[in-house]
Every structure is written in C-alpha cells, then in structure tokens.
C-alpha cells in the first residue's frame, strides 16, 4: 500500500512521529490500527468520541505546524510528554561544542613532544646549528659536532625525538641542499669558504 503526501504533510508527519518516538511509518500504522480496531469492535459512542477527539487534536496540531506556530504552544495541554527525536549519524565531537564552550584538548597520539627550546620554542635547523658550532669551535668530526650540538641544547629533533648522532650530522652535511655550506677536511667538517 502506498500513501502519497505532499512534502509539507511529510514534514508534519515526521515531526509528529519524532515527538511520539516512532518512525513515520510506525505512527501511520498505529493510527490505522486504532481506527480499524474501533471499527471492528464496533465500539460504543464513548470510544468513538474519544477517537474523534484524538483525530481533532491531531488535526489542530497539524494545522498549527503548517501555520508555523511552535508545536508546544499549539498543544501544550494535549501532549503529556515530548520525546526528542532520535539523532542519526555521528554524535557531536563534544558536548562543549554544542554548548558554545571552548572544546577540551584531546590527548595527543604518539610520543610526547619535548619542552620548547630556551629561545622561546623556535626551532633551529640542524644545518644552522652545525654552522654555529663550527663557527665557535672550528672544524670538527661528525661525532664531535653531534656531542657539541647536544651539549648546547638548542637543536631538537623535529619528529623522531631520538638523540643526535654522527650519522645524522654526516647526512645533513652530505645533503645536496646543504653541501655548498660545508667542506670536508679529511674526517673533519668545516665551513665552506665565503
């Protein structure tokens, strides 16, 4: 069986079904069952008048909803309790977002980050730190550079958090992007000539 409804009637039906805590099809089915039961039983005038009153009440509510009046005003005494419609889909990210409050910070995944450097949290690239150490102490081996950089405490690894070692210093000095900044003197790394 198919029932054709206008979009407005369908919206009203969905609203009424939401208030009753049912799906629209279940609400229509219950209305039809009530009517059929009343006809089958041949209920007396009292049952018919109660059913007619219920239909009149629903007709008034539909008219009020179509007119744009709030349902609570139109039928304050008719509905003993209003059930909020069931929410579908993903729940809101937090109750704070719905209330307008600032959302609580989510715990970060992965390794915790180390504290900000002494210079206000600004990261210093490794190649600049290598240049600074060579400028202060002169040409050094990769292992000496790694130890000096760690001792200074200004550089911190951006993602891994692992301690700085000679292999990392060697790979930065050998990197084609930074190779022009450095030169090799045997096993030592020096600054390139100006």
C-alpha atoms as a PDB file:
ATOM      1  CA  UNK A   1       0.000   0.000   0.000  1.00  0.00           C
ATOM      2  CA  UNK A   2       1.316   3.433  -0.919  1.00  0.00           C
ATOM      3  CA  UNK A   3       0.302   6.739   0.586  1.00  0.00           C
ATOM      4  CA  UNK A   4       1.031   9.969  -1.237  1.00  0.00           C
ATOM      5  CA  UNK A   5       1.826  13.006   0.894  1.00  0.00           C
ATOM      6  CA  UNK A   6       2.917  16.497  -0.003  1.00  0.00           C
ATOM      7  CA  UNK A   7       6.356  17.495   1.235  1.00  0.00           C
ATOM      8  CA  UNK A   8       4.718  19.694   3.889  1.00  0.00           C
ATOM      9  CA  UNK A   9       2.495  16.848   5.087  1.00  0.00           C
ATOM     10  CA  UNK A  10       5.513  14.542   5.166  1.00  0.00           C
ATOM     11  CA  UNK A  11       7.436  17.030   7.321  1.00  0.00           C
ATOM     12  CA  UNK A  12       4.483  17.304   9.704  1.00  0.00           C
ATOM     13  CA  UNK A  13       4.253  13.516   9.874  1.00  0.00           C
ATOM     14  CA  UNK A  14       7.971  13.260  10.630  1.00  0.00           C
ATOM     15  CA  UNK A  15       7.649  15.873  13.379  1.00  0.00           C
ATOM     16  CA  UNK A  16       4.707  14.082  14.989  1.00  0.00           C
ATOM     17  CA  UNK A  17       6.494  10.749  14.731  1.00  0.00           C
ATOM     18  CA  UNK A  18       9.596  12.261  16.345  1.00  0.00           C
ATOM     19  CA  UNK A  19       7.504  13.594  19.218  1.00  0.00           C
ATOM     20  CA  UNK A  20       6.000  10.144  19.696  1.00  0.00           C
ATOM     21  CA  UNK A  21       9.423   8.465  19.477  1.00  0.00           C
ATOM     22  CA  UNK A  22       8.409   6.435  16.420  1.00  0.00           C
ATOM     23  CA  UNK A  23       9.300   6.268  12.774  1.00  0.00           C
ATOM     24  CA  UNK A  24       6.730   7.920  10.463  1.00  0.00           C
ATOM     25  CA  UNK A  25       5.581   4.583   9.040  1.00  0.00           C
ATOM     26  CA  UNK A  26       5.069   3.168  12.532  1.00  0.00           C
ATOM     27  CA  UNK A  27       2.964   6.186  13.530  1.00  0.00           C
ATOM     28  CA  UNK A  28       0.720   5.858  10.451  1.00  0.00           C
ATOM     29  CA  UNK A  29       0.386   2.132  11.118  1.00  0.00           C
ATOM     30  CA  UNK A  30      -0.686   2.774  14.717  1.00  0.00           C
ATOM     31  CA  UNK A  31      -3.289   5.328  13.547  1.00  0.00           C
ATOM     32  CA  UNK A  32      -4.700   2.864  11.026  1.00  0.00           C
ATOM     33  CA  UNK A  33      -4.720   0.045  13.594  1.00  0.00           C
ATOM     34  CA  UNK A  34      -6.588   2.256  16.101  1.00  0.00           C
ATOM     35  CA  UNK A  35      -9.178   3.116  13.513  1.00  0.00           C
ATOM     36  CA  UNK A  36      -9.583  -0.492  12.323  1.00  0.00           C
ATOM     37  CA  UNK A  37      -9.861  -1.759  15.896  1.00  0.00           C
ATOM     38  CA  UNK A  38     -12.561   0.797  16.643  1.00  0.00           C
ATOM     39  CA  UNK A  39     -14.494  -0.284  13.554  1.00  0.00           C
ATOM     40  CA  UNK A  40     -14.002  -3.989  14.202  1.00  0.00           C
ATOM     41  CA  UNK A  41     -15.066  -3.896  17.810  1.00  0.00           C
ATOM     42  CA  UNK A  42     -17.946  -1.645  16.934  1.00  0.00           C
ATOM     43  CA  UNK A  43     -17.048   0.375  19.947  1.00  0.00           C
ATOM     44  CA  UNK A  44     -19.743   2.349  21.564  1.00  0.00           C
ATOM     45  CA  UNK A  45     -20.187   6.076  21.355  1.00  0.00           C
ATOM     46  CA  UNK A  46     -17.675   6.661  24.148  1.00  0.00           C
ATOM     47  CA  UNK A  47     -14.773   5.002  22.254  1.00  0.00           C
ATOM     48  CA  UNK A  48     -15.771   6.683  19.011  1.00  0.00           C
ATOM     49  CA  UNK A  49     -15.952  10.078  20.652  1.00  0.00           C
ATOM     50  CA  UNK A  50     -12.502   9.529  22.217  1.00  0.00           C
ATOM     51  CA  UNK A  51     -11.111   8.573  18.814  1.00  0.00           C
ATOM     52  CA  UNK A  52     -12.805  11.556  17.186  1.00  0.00           C
ATOM     53  CA  UNK A  53     -11.344  13.834  19.877  1.00  0.00           C
ATOM     54  CA  UNK A  54      -7.885  12.383  19.225  1.00  0.00           C
ATOM     55  CA  UNK A  55      -8.268  12.931  15.492  1.00  0.00           C
ATOM     56  CA  UNK A  56      -9.438  16.514  16.086  1.00  0.00           C
ATOM     57  CA  UNK A  57      -6.454  17.094  18.378  1.00  0.00           C
ATOM     58  CA  UNK A  58      -4.059  15.765  15.744  1.00  0.00           C
ATOM     59  CA  UNK A  59      -5.738  17.872  13.047  1.00  0.00           C
ATOM     60  CA  UNK A  60      -5.270  21.001  15.202  1.00  0.00           C
ATOM     61  CA  UNK A  61      -1.627  20.144  15.781  1.00  0.00           C
ATOM     62  CA  UNK A  62      -1.074  19.624  12.057  1.00  0.00           C
ATOM     63  CA  UNK A  63      -2.777  22.934  11.261  1.00  0.00           C
ATOM     64  CA  UNK A  64      -0.650  24.705  13.884  1.00  0.00           C
ATOM     65  CA  UNK A  65       2.539  23.164  12.488  1.00  0.00           C
ATOM     66  CA  UNK A  66       1.590  24.112   8.935  1.00  0.00           C
ATOM     67  CA  UNK A  67       0.849  27.667  10.066  1.00  0.00           C
ATOM     68  CA  UNK A  68       4.333  27.887  11.550  1.00  0.00           C
ATOM     69  CA  UNK A  69       3.310  28.061  15.189  1.00  0.00           C
ATOM     70  CA  UNK A  70       5.507  26.186  17.635  1.00  0.00           C
ATOM     71  CA  UNK A  71       4.043  22.799  18.462  1.00  0.00           C
ATOM     72  CA  UNK A  72       4.459  23.447  22.195  1.00  0.00           C
ATOM     73  CA  UNK A  73       2.133  26.475  22.013  1.00  0.00           C
ATOM     74  CA  UNK A  74      -0.446  24.773  19.812  1.00  0.00           C
ATOM     75  CA  UNK A  75      -0.861  21.710  22.001  1.00  0.00           C
ATOM     76  CA  UNK A  76       0.523  22.453  25.459  1.00  0.00           C
ATOM     77  CA  UNK A  77      -2.212  20.521  27.216  1.00  0.00           C
ATOM     78  CA  UNK A  78      -2.661  17.836  24.541  1.00  0.00           C
ATOM     79  CA  UNK A  79       0.815  16.252  24.724  1.00  0.00           C
ATOM     80  CA  UNK A  80       1.677  14.871  28.154  1.00  0.00           C
ATOM     81  CA  UNK A  81       5.361  14.492  27.270  1.00  0.00           C
ATOM     82  CA  UNK A  82       7.527  15.408  24.311  1.00  0.00           C
ATOM     83  CA  UNK A  83      10.148  12.887  23.286  1.00  0.00           C
ATOM     84  CA  UNK A  84      13.138  14.273  21.437  1.00  0.00           C
ATOM     85  CA  UNK A  85      13.611  12.717  18.007  1.00  0.00           C
ATOM     86  CA  UNK A  86      16.315  10.108  17.791  1.00  0.00           C
ATOM     87  CA  UNK A  87      19.528  11.502  16.402  1.00  0.00           C
ATOM     88  CA  UNK A  88      21.029   9.735  13.423  1.00  0.00           C
ATOM     89  CA  UNK A  89      24.620   9.682  12.278  1.00  0.00           C
ATOM     90  CA  UNK A  90      27.805  10.504  14.095  1.00  0.00           C
ATOM     91  CA  UNK A  91      27.479  12.040  17.565  1.00  0.00           C
ATOM     92  CA  UNK A  92      28.783  15.587  18.062  1.00  0.00           C
ATOM     93  CA  UNK A  93      32.501  15.847  18.785  1.00  0.00           C
ATOM     94  CA  UNK A  94      31.881  17.051  22.297  1.00  0.00           C
ATOM     95  CA  UNK A  95      29.158  18.456  24.474  1.00  0.00           C
ATOM     96  CA  UNK A  96      31.255  21.597  24.858  1.00  0.00           C
ATOM     97  CA  UNK A  97      30.953  22.285  21.114  1.00  0.00           C
ATOM     98  CA  UNK A  98      27.159  22.104  21.324  1.00  0.00           C
ATOM     99  CA  UNK A  99      27.037  24.485  24.293  1.00  0.00           C
ATOM    100  CA  UNK A 100      29.425  27.003  22.737  1.00  0.00           C
ATOM    101  CA  UNK A 101      32.239  26.414  25.210  1.00  0.00           C
ATOM    102  CA  UNK A 102      35.826  26.008  24.147  1.00  0.00           C
ATOM    103  CA  UNK A 103      36.459  22.330  23.361  1.00  0.00           C
ATOM    104  CA  UNK A 104      38.647  20.371  25.720  1.00  0.00           C
ATOM    105  CA  UNK A 105      42.053  19.480  24.392  1.00  0.00           C
ATOM    106  CA  UNK A 106      42.370  15.980  23.090  1.00  0.00           C
ATOM    107  CA  UNK A 107      45.338  13.958  24.229  1.00  0.00           C
ATOM    108  CA  UNK A 108      47.984  13.792  21.523  1.00  0.00           C
ATOM    109  CA  UNK A 109      48.880  10.495  19.922  1.00  0.00           C
ATOM    110  CA  UNK A 110      52.380   9.177  19.586  1.00  0.00           C
ATOM    111  CA  UNK A 111      55.396  10.325  21.522  1.00  0.00           C
ATOM    112  CA  UNK A 112      55.073  13.398  23.697  1.00  0.00           C
ATOM    113  CA  UNK A 113      56.970  16.391  22.394  1.00  0.00           C
ATOM    114  CA  UNK A 114      59.948  17.685  24.305  1.00  0.00           C
ATOM    115  CA  UNK A 115      59.804  21.041  26.034  1.00  0.00           C
ATOM    116  CA  UNK A 116      60.360  24.142  23.920  1.00  0.00           C
ATOM    117  CA  UNK A 117      63.914  25.330  23.435  1.00  0.00           C
ATOM    118  CA  UNK A 118      65.298  28.172  25.534  1.00  0.00           C
ATOM    119  CA  UNK A 119      64.833  30.612  22.640  1.00  0.00           C
ATOM    120  CA  UNK A 120      61.035  30.706  23.013  1.00  0.00           C
ATOM    121  CA  UNK A 121      60.173  27.484  21.183  1.00  0.00           C
ATOM    122  CA  UNK A 122      61.527  28.471  17.755  1.00  0.00           C
ATOM    123  CA  UNK A 123      63.153  25.519  16.054  1.00  0.00           C
ATOM    124  CA  UNK A 124      66.726  25.865  14.860  1.00  0.00           C
ATOM    125  CA  UNK A 125      67.540  23.788  11.767  1.00  0.00           C
ATOM    126  CA  UNK A 126      70.362  21.287  12.145  1.00  0.00           C
ATOM    127  CA  UNK A 127      72.496  22.840   9.408  1.00  0.00           C
ATOM    128  CA  UNK A 128      72.393  26.230  11.182  1.00  0.00           C
ATOM    129  CA  UNK A 129      73.367  24.639  14.475  1.00  0.00           C
ATOM    130  CA  UNK A 130      76.274  22.808  12.769  1.00  0.00           C
ATOM    131  CA  UNK A 131      77.421  26.119  11.296  1.00  0.00           C
ATOM    132  CA  UNK A 132      77.198  27.808  14.722  1.00  0.00           C
ATOM    133  CA  UNK A 133      79.260  25.103  16.425  1.00  0.00           C
ATOM    134  CA  UNK A 134      81.915  25.148  13.682  1.00  0.00           C
ATOM    135  CA  UNK A 135      82.000  28.950  13.933  1.00  0.00           C
ATOM    136  CA  UNK A 136      82.621  28.755  17.686  1.00  0.00           C
ATOM    137  CA  UNK A 137      84.959  25.754  17.877  1.00  0.00           C
ATOM    138  CA  UNK A 138      86.412  25.344  14.393  1.00  0.00           C
ATOM    139  CA  UNK A 139      86.368  22.226  12.156  1.00  0.00           C
ATOM    140  CA  UNK A 140      85.322  19.026  13.948  1.00  0.00           C
ATOM    141  CA  UNK A 141      84.389  15.432  13.217  1.00  0.00           C
ATOM    142  CA  UNK A 142      80.739  14.494  12.893  1.00  0.00           C
ATOM    143  CA  UNK A 143      80.791  12.791  16.303  1.00  0.00           C
ATOM    144  CA  UNK A 144      82.303  15.894  17.943  1.00  0.00           C
ATOM    145  CA  UNK A 145      79.706  18.086  16.234  1.00  0.00           C
ATOM    146  CA  UNK A 146      76.873  15.864  17.444  1.00  0.00           C
ATOM    147  CA  UNK A 147      78.182  15.964  21.019  1.00  0.00           C
ATOM    148  CA  UNK A 148      78.651  19.762  20.925  1.00  0.00           C
ATOM    149  CA  UNK A 149      75.181  20.347  19.484  1.00  0.00           C
ATOM    150  CA  UNK A 150      73.621  18.107  22.130  1.00  0.00           C
ATOM    151  CA  UNK A 151      75.608  19.926  24.815  1.00  0.00           C
ATOM    152  CA  UNK A 152      74.343  23.337  23.628  1.00  0.00           C
ATOM    153  CA  UNK A 153      70.742  22.108  23.863  1.00  0.00           C
ATOM    154  CA  UNK A 154      69.374  24.490  21.225  1.00  0.00           C
ATOM    155  CA  UNK A 155      68.637  21.946  18.485  1.00  0.00           C
ATOM    156  CA  UNK A 156      65.908  19.359  18.968  1.00  0.00           C
ATOM    157  CA  UNK A 157      64.904  16.697  16.504  1.00  0.00           C
ATOM    158  CA  UNK A 158      61.638  17.709  14.819  1.00  0.00           C
ATOM    159  CA  UNK A 159      59.772  14.377  14.760  1.00  0.00           C
ATOM    160  CA  UNK A 160      61.750  11.408  15.950  1.00  0.00           C
ATOM    161  CA  UNK A 161      62.925  12.679  19.321  1.00  0.00           C
ATOM    162  CA  UNK A 162      65.926  10.352  19.105  1.00  0.00           C
ATOM    163  CA  UNK A 163      69.289  11.709  20.258  1.00  0.00           C
ATOM    164  CA  UNK A 164      71.504  13.385  17.681  1.00  0.00           C
ATOM    165  CA  UNK A 165      74.316  11.166  16.399  1.00  0.00           C
ATOM    166  CA  UNK A 166      77.243  11.383  13.988  1.00  0.00           C
ATOM    167  CA  UNK A 167      75.315   9.673  11.178  1.00  0.00           C
ATOM    168  CA  UNK A 168      72.627  12.371  11.267  1.00  0.00           C
ATOM    169  CA  UNK A 169      75.254  15.137  11.181  1.00  0.00           C
ATOM    170  CA  UNK A 170      77.077  13.405   8.289  1.00  0.00           C
ATOM    171  CA  UNK A 171      73.856  13.014   6.310  1.00  0.00           C
ATOM    172  CA  UNK A 172      72.994  16.698   6.740  1.00  0.00           C
ATOM    173  CA  UNK A 173      76.472  17.836   5.695  1.00  0.00           C
ATOM    174  CA  UNK A 174      76.361  15.489   2.660  1.00  0.00           C
ATOM    175  CA  UNK A 175      72.815  16.501   1.666  1.00  0.00           C
ATOM    176  CA  UNK A 176      72.912  18.193  -1.775  1.00  0.00           C
ATOM    177  CA  UNK A 177      70.772  21.062  -0.454  1.00  0.00           C
ATOM    178  CA  UNK A 178      73.299  21.968   2.272  1.00  0.00           C
ATOM    179  CA  UNK A 179      76.514  20.653   0.694  1.00  0.00           C
ATOM    180  CA  UNK A 180      77.502  24.132  -0.517  1.00  0.00           C
ATOM    181  CA  UNK A 181      77.626  25.378   3.113  1.00  0.00           C
ATOM    182  CA  UNK A 182      80.286  22.885   4.248  1.00  0.00           C
ATOM    183  CA  UNK A 183      83.576  21.372   3.105  1.00  0.00           C
ATOM    184  CA  UNK A 184      85.421  18.272   4.260  1.00  0.00           C
ATOM    185  CA  UNK A 185      88.966  18.418   5.621  1.00  0.00           C
ATOM    186  CA  UNK A 186      89.797  14.750   5.979  1.00  0.00           C
ATOM    187  CA  UNK A 187      87.404  13.458   8.669  1.00  0.00           C
ATOM    188  CA  UNK A 188      86.553  16.950   9.854  1.00  0.00           C
ATOM    189  CA  UNK A 189      83.727  19.203   8.718  1.00  0.00           C
ATOM    190  CA  UNK A 190      84.454  22.897   8.148  1.00  0.00           C
ATOM    191  CA  UNK A 191      82.508  25.853   6.814  1.00  0.00           C
ATOM    192  CA  UNK A 192      82.773  26.467   3.075  1.00  0.00           C
ATOM    193  CA  UNK A 193      84.866  29.459   2.079  1.00  0.00           C
ATOM    194  CA  UNK A 194      82.720  32.575   1.716  1.00  0.00           C
END
